[in-house]
Protein backbone atom coordinates (compact mmCIF):
# COMPACT_ATOMS: atom_id res chain seq x y z
CA MET A 1 50.51 104.21 50.28
CA ALA A 2 47.16 102.37 50.28
CA ASP A 3 48.84 99.20 49.02
CA LEU A 4 51.56 99.57 51.63
CA ILE A 5 49.02 99.71 54.46
CA ARG A 6 46.85 96.98 52.91
CA ASP A 7 49.74 94.52 52.88
CA SER A 8 51.00 95.44 56.35
CA THR A 9 49.95 93.65 59.52
CA ILE A 10 47.42 96.33 60.43
CA GLY A 11 45.92 96.15 56.94
CA GLN A 12 45.62 92.37 57.04
CA THR A 13 44.07 92.62 60.49
CA ILE A 14 41.49 95.13 59.26
CA ARG A 15 40.69 92.89 56.29
CA TRP A 16 40.19 89.90 58.60
CA VAL A 17 37.93 91.83 60.98
CA THR A 18 35.82 93.23 58.12
CA LYS A 19 35.84 89.93 56.19
CA ASN A 20 37.74 91.52 53.31
CA LYS A 21 35.21 94.30 52.77
CA VAL A 22 37.87 97.03 52.76
CA LEU A 23 41.42 97.40 51.43
CA HIS A 24 40.66 95.25 48.41
CA TYR A 25 43.11 93.46 46.17
CA PRO A 26 42.58 93.80 42.39
CA GLU A 27 40.84 90.39 42.22
CA GLU A 28 38.27 91.58 44.78
CA ARG A 29 37.25 94.75 42.95
CA PRO A 30 34.06 94.84 40.85
CA ASP A 31 35.92 96.09 37.77
CA PHE A 32 38.52 93.30 37.81
CA THR A 33 38.70 91.10 34.74
CA VAL A 34 40.50 87.79 34.83
CA PRO A 35 43.38 87.98 32.32
CA SER A 36 42.44 86.40 29.01
CA SER A 37 45.36 83.98 29.26
CA TYR A 38 43.74 82.40 32.32
CA GLY A 39 40.41 82.21 30.51
CA LEU A 40 42.05 80.39 27.60
CA THR A 41 43.55 77.82 29.92
CA LYS A 42 40.21 76.45 31.09
CA GLY A 43 40.21 73.89 28.32
CA THR A 44 43.81 72.98 29.21
CA PRO A 45 45.04 72.70 25.61
CA GLU A 46 48.43 71.28 24.85
CA ARG A 47 51.06 74.00 24.61
CA THR A 48 54.20 73.76 22.57
CA LEU A 49 56.81 76.29 21.60
CA GLN A 50 56.78 77.10 17.94
CA SER A 51 60.22 77.24 16.38
CA ILE A 52 61.21 80.64 15.14
CA GLU A 53 62.33 80.25 11.55
CA LYS A 54 62.46 83.84 10.54
CA VAL A 55 63.84 86.83 12.36
CA PRO A 56 61.74 90.01 12.04
CA THR A 57 63.23 92.58 9.71
CA LYS A 58 60.65 95.36 10.03
CA THR A 59 59.68 97.47 12.96
CA SER A 60 56.08 96.25 12.83
CA GLU A 61 57.22 92.64 12.74
CA ARG A 62 59.50 93.34 15.67
CA ARG A 63 56.53 94.56 17.70
CA LEU A 64 54.76 91.31 16.95
CA ALA A 65 57.81 89.40 18.15
CA GLN A 66 57.41 91.12 21.50
CA GLU A 67 53.95 89.68 22.06
CA PRO A 68 53.72 87.01 24.78
CA VAL A 69 54.56 83.43 23.91
CA CYS A 70 53.09 80.33 25.48
CA PRO A 71 55.84 78.76 27.57
CA ASP A 72 56.34 75.03 27.72
CA PRO A 73 56.88 73.62 31.23
CA GLU A 74 60.48 72.84 30.25
CA THR A 75 61.56 75.81 28.20
CA VAL A 76 60.98 79.51 27.87
CA ILE A 77 62.06 82.01 25.27
CA GLU A 78 63.88 85.06 26.59
CA GLU A 79 64.83 87.98 24.38
CA LYS A 80 68.29 89.42 24.54
CA LYS A 81 68.77 93.01 25.48
CA ILE A 82 68.81 95.03 22.24
CA GLU A 83 70.93 98.16 22.03
CA GLU A 84 68.87 100.81 20.25
CA SER A 85 70.95 102.89 17.86
CA GLU A 86 70.36 104.54 14.50
CA GLY A 87 70.93 102.15 11.66
CA SER A 88 71.08 99.06 13.87
CA ASP A 89 70.85 95.74 12.04
CA LEU A 90 67.67 94.01 13.18
CA ASP A 91 68.81 90.79 11.51
CA GLN A 92 71.19 90.32 14.45
CA ILE A 93 68.30 89.91 16.89
CA GLN A 94 68.21 86.30 18.05
CA PRO A 95 65.96 84.65 20.62
CA VAL A 96 67.68 82.87 23.48
CA ARG A 97 66.31 79.46 24.39
CA SER A 98 67.28 78.20 27.83
CA HIS A 99 66.30 75.26 29.99
CA ARG A 100 63.77 76.36 32.54
CA SER A 101 65.13 74.30 35.46
CA GLY A 102 62.17 75.31 37.58
CA LEU A 103 63.13 79.01 37.49
CA SER A 104 60.46 81.66 37.65
CA ARG A 105 59.53 83.50 34.47
CA VAL A 106 59.90 86.77 36.34
CA ARG A 107 62.96 86.84 38.56
CA THR A 108 62.38 86.46 42.28
CA GLN A 109 64.53 85.79 45.30
CA SER A 110 63.24 82.23 45.50
CA SER A 111 64.19 81.53 41.88
CA PHE A 112 67.79 82.42 42.67
CA HIS A 113 67.83 79.85 45.46
CA LYS A 114 66.50 77.21 43.03
CA SER A 115 69.52 77.68 40.79
CA ILE A 116 71.53 74.46 40.79
CA THR A 117 73.93 75.06 37.88
CA ARG A 118 76.17 77.86 36.63
CA ALA A 119 73.85 78.22 33.62
CA ASP A 120 70.91 78.84 35.96
CA LEU A 121 72.83 81.62 37.69
CA GLU A 122 73.81 83.18 34.36
CA GLN A 123 70.14 83.18 33.36
CA GLN A 124 69.20 84.90 36.59
CA LEU A 125 71.89 87.49 35.94
CA THR A 126 70.69 88.04 32.37
CA GLN A 127 67.15 88.63 33.55
CA ALA A 128 68.35 91.02 36.25
CA SER A 129 70.50 92.95 33.78
CA LEU A 130 67.84 93.51 31.12
CA GLU A 131 66.49 97.01 30.89
CA LYS A 132 62.80 97.34 31.53
CA GLY A 133 60.91 96.85 28.28
CA PRO A 134 57.28 97.18 27.23
CA THR A 135 54.63 95.59 29.41
CA ARG A 136 53.77 92.09 28.25
CA PRO A 137 51.29 89.56 29.61
CA ILE A 138 52.71 86.42 31.16
CA GLU A 139 51.10 83.21 29.99
CA PRO A 140 50.37 80.86 32.91
CA GLU A 141 52.01 77.47 32.77
CA VAL A 142 49.83 74.37 32.60
CA LEU A 143 51.10 71.16 34.18
CA ASP A 144 50.45 67.68 32.86
CA ASP A 145 47.69 67.11 35.42
CA GLY A 146 45.84 70.23 34.30
CA THR A 147 47.02 72.44 37.16
CA ILE A 148 47.26 76.08 36.08
CA LEU A 149 50.16 77.83 37.79
CA VAL A 150 49.19 81.32 38.93
CA ASP A 151 51.95 83.77 38.06
CA TRP A 152 52.41 87.51 37.80
CA TYR A 153 49.91 88.90 35.31
CA THR A 154 52.42 91.01 33.37
CA THR A 155 56.16 91.53 33.21
CA ASP A 156 55.78 94.69 35.29
CA ASP A 157 53.02 93.46 37.62
CA PRO A 158 52.92 96.00 40.49
CA GLU A 159 52.29 93.21 43.02
CA ASN A 160 55.72 91.72 42.29
CA PRO A 161 58.17 93.22 44.85
CA GLN A 162 60.78 93.40 42.09
CA ASN A 163 58.51 95.89 40.28
CA TRP A 164 57.72 98.12 43.24
CA SER A 165 58.53 101.79 42.82
CA PHE A 166 61.82 103.08 44.16
CA GLY A 167 59.94 104.99 46.86
CA LYS A 168 58.13 101.90 48.12
CA LYS A 169 61.33 99.86 48.10
CA ALA A 170 63.09 102.65 49.97
CA VAL A 171 60.40 102.77 52.68
CA VAL A 172 60.45 99.00 53.19
CA SER A 173 64.25 98.89 53.17
CA ILE A 174 64.53 101.69 55.74
CA LEU A 175 62.09 99.84 58.00
CA ILE A 176 64.22 96.69 57.80
CA TYR A 177 67.42 98.67 58.39
CA THR A 178 65.92 100.42 61.42
CA TYR A 179 64.61 97.13 62.82
CA THR A 180 68.06 95.55 62.38
CA LEU A 181 69.84 98.54 63.92
CA ALA A 182 67.56 98.59 66.95
CA VAL A 183 67.94 94.86 67.68
CA TYR A 184 71.70 94.79 67.18
CA MET A 185 72.08 97.88 69.32
CA GLY A 186 70.50 95.87 72.13
CA SER A 187 73.64 93.76 72.50
CA ALA A 188 76.32 96.32 73.32
CA ILE A 189 73.99 98.91 74.84
CA TYR A 190 74.20 96.70 77.94
CA ALA A 191 78.03 96.96 78.17
CA PRO A 192 78.16 100.22 80.22
CA SER A 193 75.73 98.62 82.71
CA GLU A 194 78.05 95.73 83.61
CA GLU A 195 79.68 97.50 86.56
CA GLY A 196 76.27 98.42 87.97
CA VAL A 197 75.12 94.80 87.61
CA MET A 198 78.24 93.67 89.49
CA ARG A 199 77.50 95.98 92.40
CA ARG A 200 73.75 95.30 92.51
CA PHE A 201 73.92 91.50 92.43
CA GLY A 202 77.39 90.94 93.87
CA VAL A 203 78.72 89.01 90.87
CA SER A 204 82.05 89.02 89.05
CA ILE A 205 82.70 90.88 85.82
CA GLN A 206 82.65 87.55 83.95
CA SER A 207 79.18 86.83 85.27
CA ALA A 208 77.96 90.35 84.57
CA SER A 209 79.19 89.97 80.97
CA LEU A 210 76.69 87.14 80.48
CA GLY A 211 74.06 89.79 79.86
CA LEU A 212 75.95 90.68 76.68
CA SER A 213 77.19 87.25 75.60
CA MET A 214 73.86 85.44 76.03
CA TYR A 215 72.12 88.06 73.92
CA VAL A 216 74.72 87.59 71.15
CA LEU A 217 74.57 83.80 71.37
CA ALA A 218 70.77 83.81 71.20
CA TYR A 219 70.55 85.88 68.03
CA GLY A 220 72.87 83.31 66.44
CA ILE A 221 70.60 80.44 67.48
CA GLY A 222 67.39 82.14 66.37
CA PRO A 223 68.07 82.01 62.59
CA LEU A 224 68.26 78.21 62.73
CA PHE A 225 64.54 78.24 63.59
CA PHE A 226 63.12 81.43 62.10
CA SER A 227 64.85 81.36 58.70
CA PRO A 228 63.16 78.08 57.58
CA ILE A 229 59.81 79.26 58.96
CA SER A 230 59.92 82.44 56.86
CA GLU A 231 60.51 80.32 53.73
CA ILE A 232 57.23 78.41 54.21
CA PRO A 233 54.96 80.04 51.56
CA VAL A 234 51.78 80.06 53.63
CA ILE A 235 53.59 81.98 56.40
CA GLY A 236 55.88 84.41 54.56
CA ARG A 237 58.19 87.03 56.03
CA ASN A 238 55.88 89.27 58.04
CA PRO A 239 54.43 86.96 60.74
CA PRO A 240 57.88 85.95 62.09
CA TYR A 241 58.89 89.62 62.08
CA ILE A 242 55.84 91.04 63.82
CA LEU A 243 55.15 88.25 66.33
CA THR A 244 58.72 87.74 67.52
CA TYR A 245 59.54 91.44 67.57
CA GLY A 246 56.38 92.06 69.57
CA LEU A 247 57.55 89.50 72.14
CA PHE A 248 60.97 91.17 72.09
CA VAL A 249 59.44 94.55 72.97
CA ILE A 250 57.27 93.04 75.72
CA LEU A 251 60.31 91.34 77.27
CA LEU A 252 62.10 94.68 77.52
CA VAL A 253 59.83 95.70 80.41
CA PRO A 254 60.53 92.80 82.82
CA THR A 255 64.22 92.92 81.83
CA ALA A 256 64.45 96.51 83.03
CA LEU A 257 62.54 95.67 86.25
CA VAL A 258 63.89 92.22 87.20
CA ASP A 259 65.65 92.13 90.55
CA ASN A 260 67.52 88.82 90.44
CA PHE A 261 70.60 88.02 88.41
CA SER A 262 69.43 84.70 86.93
CA GLY A 263 66.21 86.28 85.70
CA LEU A 264 68.16 89.13 84.09
CA ILE A 265 70.40 86.75 82.11
CA ALA A 266 67.48 84.53 81.07
CA LEU A 267 65.50 87.51 79.83
CA ARG A 268 68.49 88.86 77.92
CA PHE A 269 68.84 85.49 76.19
CA LEU A 270 65.16 85.49 75.23
CA GLN A 271 65.50 89.03 73.90
CA GLY A 272 68.31 87.99 71.59
CA PHE A 273 66.39 84.92 70.44
CA PHE A 274 63.17 86.75 69.60
CA GLY A 275 65.06 89.67 68.05
CA SER A 276 66.93 87.41 65.63
CA PRO A 277 64.47 87.30 62.66
CA CYS A 278 65.97 90.55 61.39
CA LEU A 279 69.25 88.66 61.16
CA ALA A 280 67.58 85.48 59.88
CA THR A 281 65.38 87.04 57.21
CA GLY A 282 66.32 90.70 56.71
CA GLY A 283 68.64 89.91 53.81
CA ALA A 284 66.02 87.66 52.22
CA SER A 285 63.46 90.49 52.32
CA LEU A 286 65.89 92.72 50.44
CA GLN A 287 66.52 89.97 47.90
CA ASP A 288 62.76 89.79 47.34
CA MET A 289 62.76 93.42 46.19
CA PHE A 290 66.06 94.14 44.46
CA SER A 291 67.46 92.70 41.25
CA PHE A 292 70.67 90.72 41.35
CA VAL A 293 72.70 93.65 39.97
CA LYS A 294 71.49 96.21 42.53
CA LEU A 295 71.24 93.89 45.52
CA PRO A 296 74.82 94.51 46.81
CA TYR A 297 73.97 98.16 47.50
CA ALA A 298 70.92 97.23 49.58
CA LEU A 299 72.72 94.45 51.44
CA SER A 300 75.67 96.68 52.30
CA LEU A 301 73.34 99.18 53.98
CA TRP A 302 71.73 96.31 55.88
CA ALA A 303 75.20 95.17 56.96
CA PHE A 304 75.91 98.77 58.04
CA ALA A 305 72.86 98.65 60.31
CA ALA A 306 73.99 95.30 61.73
CA THR A 307 77.56 96.50 62.29
CA GLY A 308 76.71 100.03 63.43
CA GLY A 309 74.14 98.87 65.99
CA PRO A 310 76.63 97.37 68.48
CA ALA A 311 78.96 100.33 67.94
CA LEU A 312 76.23 102.88 68.70
CA GLY A 313 74.96 101.05 71.79
CA PRO A 314 77.70 102.15 74.23
CA ILE A 315 77.53 105.70 72.86
CA ILE A 316 73.83 105.95 73.65
CA SER A 317 73.93 104.33 77.08
CA GLY A 318 77.35 105.44 78.34
CA PHE A 319 76.36 108.91 79.52
CA SER A 320 72.87 107.93 80.69
CA VAL A 321 74.09 105.00 82.81
CA MET A 322 76.73 107.27 84.36
CA ALA A 323 74.12 109.97 85.09
CA GLU A 324 71.28 107.70 86.23
CA ASN A 325 71.81 103.97 86.94
CA TRP A 326 72.56 100.65 85.24
CA ARG A 327 68.90 100.00 84.39
CA TRP A 328 68.78 103.07 82.19
CA SER A 329 70.28 101.26 79.19
CA LEU A 330 67.54 98.63 79.39
CA TRP A 331 64.81 101.27 79.42
CA GLU A 332 66.41 102.98 76.42
CA MET A 333 65.92 99.75 74.49
CA LEU A 334 62.16 99.97 75.15
CA TRP A 335 61.98 103.60 74.07
CA LEU A 336 63.77 102.76 70.84
CA ASN A 337 62.20 99.44 69.87
CA GLY A 338 58.59 100.19 70.84
CA PRO A 339 58.13 102.87 68.12
CA VAL A 340 60.06 100.75 65.60
CA TRP A 341 57.66 97.84 66.16
CA LEU A 342 54.70 100.16 65.60
CA LEU A 343 56.21 101.32 62.31
CA LEU A 344 56.58 97.72 61.18
CA PHE A 345 53.05 96.89 62.30
CA PHE A 346 51.54 99.75 60.27
CA PHE A 347 53.78 99.97 57.20
CA LEU A 348 55.81 96.79 56.54
CA PRO A 349 54.26 94.80 53.65
CA GLU A 350 54.84 91.17 52.75
CA THR A 351 57.78 90.78 50.34
CA SER A 352 57.83 87.02 49.74
CA GLY A 353 56.84 86.38 46.14
CA ALA A 354 55.84 82.81 47.01
CA ASN A 355 53.41 84.06 49.67
CA ILE A 356 51.98 86.82 47.46
CA LEU A 357 51.29 84.40 44.58
CA LEU A 358 49.79 81.82 46.96
CA ARG A 359 47.27 84.35 48.24
CA ARG A 360 46.59 85.49 44.66
CA ALA A 361 45.79 81.91 43.69
CA GLN A 362 43.36 81.63 46.61
CA ARG A 363 41.56 84.79 45.49
CA LEU A 364 41.37 83.61 41.87
CA ARG A 365 39.91 80.25 42.92
CA LYS A 366 37.28 82.04 44.98
CA LEU A 367 36.49 84.37 42.07
CA THR A 368 36.36 81.78 39.27
CA GLY A 369 35.54 78.57 41.12
CA ASP A 370 38.34 76.88 39.16
CA GLU A 371 40.22 74.65 41.61
CA ARG A 372 42.98 74.05 39.09
CA LEU A 373 44.36 77.52 39.72
CA LYS A 374 47.29 77.05 42.08
CA ALA A 375 50.57 78.73 42.93
CA GLN A 376 53.79 76.79 42.52
CA SER A 377 54.48 77.40 46.21
CA GLU A 378 51.26 75.55 47.14
CA ILE A 379 52.46 72.49 45.27
CA ASP A 380 55.90 72.70 46.82
CA GLN A 381 54.40 73.20 50.26
CA LYS A 382 52.39 69.97 50.07
CA ASN A 383 55.62 68.04 49.78
CA LEU A 384 57.19 69.86 52.74
CA THR A 385 57.28 67.76 55.91
CA PRO A 386 58.32 68.68 59.46
CA ARG A 387 61.31 66.40 58.99
CA ASP A 388 62.40 68.35 55.91
CA ILE A 389 62.16 71.62 57.85
CA ALA A 390 64.13 70.18 60.76
CA VAL A 391 66.85 68.86 58.46
CA GLU A 392 67.22 72.17 56.66
CA ALA A 393 67.19 74.12 59.93
CA LEU A 394 69.42 72.04 62.18
CA TRP A 395 71.39 69.45 60.22
CA ARG A 396 72.04 71.10 56.84
CA PRO A 397 74.02 74.08 58.22
CA MET A 398 76.29 71.75 60.18
CA GLN A 399 76.60 69.34 57.24
CA LEU A 400 77.73 72.13 54.92
CA MET A 401 80.44 73.31 57.31
CA LEU A 402 81.69 69.80 58.11
CA LEU A 403 81.82 68.40 54.57
CA ASP A 404 82.88 71.35 52.43
CA PRO A 405 86.35 72.87 53.08
CA SER A 406 85.51 76.19 51.41
CA ILE A 407 82.45 76.70 53.60
CA ALA A 408 84.38 75.55 56.68
CA PHE A 409 87.20 78.04 56.10
CA THR A 410 84.91 81.00 55.41
CA ALA A 411 82.81 80.14 58.46
CA VAL A 412 85.88 80.01 60.72
CA TYR A 413 87.36 83.21 59.26
CA THR A 414 84.15 85.23 59.55
CA ALA A 415 83.60 83.88 63.07
CA LEU A 416 87.13 84.93 64.04
CA VAL A 417 86.78 88.51 62.80
CA TYR A 418 83.31 88.75 64.36
CA GLY A 419 84.72 87.51 67.66
CA ILE A 420 87.51 90.10 67.47
CA TYR A 421 84.89 92.79 66.82
CA TYR A 422 83.05 91.86 70.02
CA SER A 423 86.29 91.52 72.01
CA PHE A 424 86.64 95.28 71.66
CA PHE A 425 83.73 95.76 74.04
CA GLU A 426 86.08 94.42 76.70
CA ALA A 427 89.32 95.90 75.30
CA PHE A 428 88.09 99.48 74.96
CA PRO A 429 87.39 100.03 78.68
CA LEU A 430 90.85 98.64 79.52
CA VAL A 431 92.47 101.04 77.06
CA TYR A 432 90.45 104.23 77.19
CA ASN A 433 89.23 104.13 80.78
CA SER A 434 92.34 102.77 82.44
CA LEU A 435 95.14 104.12 80.21
CA TYR A 436 93.68 107.39 78.93
CA GLY A 437 91.38 108.23 81.85
CA PHE A 438 88.15 108.50 79.86
CA ASN A 439 84.95 108.35 81.86
CA LEU A 440 82.18 105.88 81.05
CA GLY A 441 80.39 108.20 78.62
CA VAL A 442 83.47 109.46 76.76
CA SER A 443 84.88 105.92 76.40
CA GLY A 444 81.66 105.00 74.59
CA LEU A 445 82.49 107.65 71.98
CA ALA A 446 85.56 105.59 71.05
CA PHE A 447 83.17 103.19 69.30
CA LEU A 448 82.51 105.91 66.73
CA SER A 449 85.75 104.75 65.10
CA LEU A 450 83.89 101.57 64.11
CA THR A 451 81.08 103.58 62.55
CA VAL A 452 83.53 105.79 60.65
CA GLY A 453 85.26 102.67 59.35
CA VAL A 454 81.97 101.21 58.08
CA ILE A 455 80.99 104.45 56.32
CA LEU A 456 84.34 104.57 54.54
CA SER A 457 83.94 100.89 53.66
CA ILE A 458 80.56 101.47 52.03
CA ALA A 459 81.93 104.37 49.98
CA VAL A 460 84.82 102.24 48.69
CA TYR A 461 82.62 99.16 48.14
CA TRP A 462 79.95 101.07 46.22
CA TRP A 463 82.62 102.65 44.01
CA TYR A 464 84.01 99.21 43.23
CA ILE A 465 80.57 97.71 42.50
CA TYR A 466 79.48 100.60 40.27
CA TYR A 467 82.66 101.19 38.29
CA VAL A 468 84.20 97.71 38.20
CA VAL A 469 81.70 94.94 38.93
CA GLU A 470 78.63 96.16 37.05
CA PRO A 471 80.48 96.92 33.76
CA SER A 472 82.30 93.58 34.03
CA ILE A 473 79.08 91.65 34.54
CA ARG A 474 77.34 93.35 31.61
CA THR A 475 80.20 92.64 29.21
CA GLN A 476 81.59 89.33 30.47
CA GLY A 477 78.71 87.77 32.37
CA LEU A 478 78.72 86.46 35.89
CA GLY A 479 81.92 84.47 35.58
CA GLU A 480 83.46 82.37 38.30
CA PRO A 481 82.44 83.11 41.90
CA GLU A 482 86.11 83.65 42.78
CA ARG A 483 85.95 86.98 40.92
CA ARG A 484 83.90 88.29 43.83
CA LEU A 485 86.91 87.68 46.11
CA ILE A 486 89.24 90.11 44.30
CA PRO A 487 88.70 93.00 46.79
CA ALA A 488 89.17 90.55 49.66
CA LEU A 489 92.70 89.81 48.45
CA LEU A 490 93.60 93.39 49.37
CA VAL A 491 91.46 94.18 52.38
CA THR A 492 92.26 90.92 54.16
CA PHE A 493 95.64 92.48 55.07
CA LEU A 494 93.92 95.52 56.62
CA ILE A 495 92.61 93.32 59.44
CA PRO A 496 95.99 92.32 60.96
CA VAL A 497 97.41 95.77 60.12
CA GLY A 498 94.60 97.51 62.01
CA LEU A 499 94.95 95.12 64.93
CA PHE A 500 98.71 95.63 65.20
CA ILE A 501 98.28 99.41 65.10
CA PHE A 502 95.68 99.25 67.88
CA ALA A 503 97.78 96.81 69.91
CA TRP A 504 101.04 98.76 69.94
CA THR A 505 99.79 102.35 69.99
CA SER A 506 97.43 101.91 72.96
CA LYS A 507 99.85 103.60 75.34
CA PRO A 508 99.51 106.74 77.48
CA ASP A 509 102.47 108.39 75.71
CA ILE A 510 100.82 107.97 72.28
CA HIS A 511 97.73 110.02 71.43
CA TRP A 512 94.52 108.01 71.60
CA ILE A 513 93.53 108.98 68.05
CA VAL A 514 96.30 106.76 66.64
CA SER A 515 94.85 103.57 68.13
CA LEU A 516 91.39 104.53 66.92
CA ILE A 517 92.75 104.96 63.39
CA GLY A 518 93.90 101.35 63.69
CA VAL A 519 90.37 100.34 64.69
CA ALA A 520 88.92 102.17 61.66
CA ILE A 521 91.39 100.39 59.34
CA LEU A 522 90.43 97.06 60.92
CA THR A 523 86.73 97.81 60.43
CA ILE A 524 87.22 98.62 56.74
CA GLY A 525 88.93 95.27 56.28
CA ILE A 526 86.26 93.33 58.16
CA PHE A 527 83.30 94.97 56.43
CA ILE A 528 84.51 94.58 52.83
CA LEU A 529 85.85 91.09 53.52
CA LEU A 530 82.47 89.91 54.81
CA GLN A 531 80.66 91.42 51.80
CA CYS A 532 82.99 89.57 49.41
CA ILE A 533 82.77 86.25 51.26
CA PHE A 534 78.99 86.28 51.57
CA LEU A 535 78.54 87.09 47.88
CA TYR A 536 81.02 84.37 46.96
CA LEU A 537 79.13 81.81 49.05
CA ALA A 538 75.75 82.83 47.63
CA LEU A 539 77.00 82.37 44.06
CA SER A 540 78.83 79.12 44.79
CA TYR A 541 76.03 77.42 46.76
CA PRO A 542 72.78 79.20 45.76
CA GLN A 543 70.59 76.17 46.43
CA TYR A 544 71.76 76.01 50.06
CA ALA A 545 72.16 79.73 50.71
CA ALA A 546 69.59 79.89 53.53
CA SER A 547 71.11 76.97 55.45
CA LEU A 548 74.62 78.17 54.74
CA PHE A 549 74.06 81.63 56.18
CA ALA A 550 72.13 80.27 59.16
CA GLY A 551 75.09 78.05 60.02
CA ASN A 552 77.50 80.92 59.48
CA ASP A 553 75.40 83.16 61.77
CA PHE A 554 75.39 80.49 64.47
CA LEU A 555 79.17 79.96 64.39
CA ARG A 556 79.88 83.72 64.30
CA SER A 557 77.61 84.47 67.22
CA SER A 558 78.90 81.52 69.24
CA LEU A 559 82.51 82.63 68.89
CA ALA A 560 81.56 86.26 69.55
CA ALA A 561 79.80 85.19 72.76
CA GLY A 562 82.93 83.29 73.77
CA ALA A 563 85.16 86.24 72.85
CA ILE A 564 83.30 88.45 75.31
CA HIS A 565 84.44 86.11 78.10
CA PHE A 566 87.94 85.10 77.00
CA SER A 567 89.07 88.57 75.89
CA ARG A 568 89.18 90.16 79.35
CA PRO A 569 91.40 87.40 80.87
CA LEU A 570 93.45 87.40 77.64
CA PHE A 571 94.10 91.12 77.77
CA GLY A 572 94.44 91.10 81.55
CA ASN A 573 97.12 88.40 81.59
CA LEU A 574 99.07 89.28 78.43
CA GLY A 575 98.28 92.96 78.23
CA VAL A 576 96.40 94.65 75.44
CA GLY A 577 99.46 94.79 73.18
CA LYS A 578 100.34 91.09 73.29
CA GLY A 579 96.72 89.92 73.53
CA VAL A 580 95.57 91.83 70.45
CA SER A 581 98.77 90.82 68.64
CA LEU A 582 97.86 87.19 69.23
CA LEU A 583 94.50 87.77 67.54
CA ALA A 584 96.25 89.63 64.73
CA GLY A 585 98.49 86.61 64.19
CA LEU A 586 95.45 84.37 63.74
CA THR A 587 93.99 86.69 61.12
CA THR A 588 97.35 86.80 59.32
CA GLY A 589 97.09 83.04 58.83
CA CYS A 590 93.60 83.49 57.43
CA CYS A 591 94.99 85.92 54.83
CA VAL A 592 96.73 82.94 53.25
CA GLY A 593 93.43 81.06 53.21
CA ILE A 594 91.74 83.79 51.14
CA PHE A 595 94.43 83.49 48.45
CA VAL A 596 94.07 79.70 48.48
CA LEU A 597 90.31 80.09 48.07
CA TYR A 598 90.79 82.52 45.17
CA PHE A 599 93.29 80.42 43.22
CA TYR A 600 91.99 76.93 44.04
CA GLY A 601 88.31 77.63 44.71
CA ALA A 602 87.23 76.24 41.33
CA LYS A 603 88.90 72.89 42.05
CA LEU A 604 87.32 72.75 45.50
CA ARG A 605 83.88 73.52 44.07
CA ALA A 606 84.29 70.81 41.44
CA LYS A 607 84.75 68.25 44.23
CA SER A 608 81.92 69.61 46.37
CA ARG A 609 78.53 67.91 46.37
CA PHE A 610 76.82 71.19 47.29
CA ALA A 611 78.26 73.75 44.81
CA ALA A 612 76.49 74.79 41.62
CA LYS A 613 78.18 72.95 38.74
């Protein structure tokens, strides 16, 4: 707990005020000893890998083989996972020599993004799949110019987020999930207030809906700016979280009090923009902590928070707006997000390995006076220019979508299903208020069908990952990225099926539960499809993952914002049955695209300039 508070914003603030006299890091404690490997590097001797001519055949010799080696800047020796069994033949133990390609000795989220070939990805997978072995020192790498790269001290260094205890990872993950849930809830929690906004400011329903659509559009724009900022080593993850979320909470007060329509819409847009770092960086924070094999579980819960937030919003505000007034939903946002921000301020630690090692290097230089001690991120950061940041933030996402057909299709498909998801915030009142006579509060409960669908999706997805994907990866390796699309080949049909059920059973003579079953089926299809597509993209384009997802977020949110405005006229003119059927027809066409991507994805990747070869 002490480390958790030390690395949080309040801990760093206390350290700054006291000039680092409290909440010490190991390097600042009187009993700290600089690892011997760093002491040996002061003379900067030449380091070469010694060829291994003989494989150990005795237990004692095997222990010696587990001692740390001195890695060359180009290569590193990794031991294969050894199955312990009685009578095992130790002569079969072989070291694996692999090209370093700039990858970290101890796996980190940033090393995954530096993977530029299929071999790099397989190495990352191998490292993530190895069972935890005995603690071993990590020899720092020495560059040609004498620079000593500060690394983790040991293979199970407690400062490495990958080595945090399960309890610490759980606390940090829950904070990120809660943060994401609270911000996403802020979009649809406004929906029950639209009629009150119409009456108070004398505007049309289309204008009143801007309070929802501008919020959604803004949290799609935000990642283009905040995602690159969080990747700058000297900044890290926490400052964008705490500063922007603090502004978000402050803006909740004038939003609830503003008495002119233009000001309300402008403030809602700013809320979405400053709330977006959870969308921009939340997944990256989880990647910092969890190994490649276990990451899908953590990311699916994060996706549950992102999907469940908009669904829970109308449930929370529906009854209160009906009982009080339209401003009540805006005050509820303050009551929810204020305490969440305080939790982040007191307990959310930095998870960026690049930032942690940078600060470690600074402390070691201060302790030893050796200016050659530097983190790799410091060196990379010196070559980072504002132009590079701007290109990665604004041009690269668009370039990926325009020049790669696989990325373009997945971006359009995910944007379409996301837009359909948000169109329900306009369709549900037409169905359950007008056709079934639900009041404002009870109609909000219809959104529970979305939450039920997501919970069922997670159960099915976890079963598939645990019983199918993990055993396959351990026995056959990572394989082609298209293998991650196998569940999508099935669930892609659930999307049009669910839409057609909702479209043609939303009638007064058919019980309302039938249409909600269709919504749950649709949600299962959307959730699992998005998990498969995002994992496929991350494995196909690891080097551009940040830009790729930022562009995908922007397109999804843009179409969702548009869907909020075109869905009401669509359903009003064609009726809910024909209008939703039209959307179902579009998703049916996309089902064909998923099969094309599965069977011809390898050929498309071979022609792409961005995919890992």
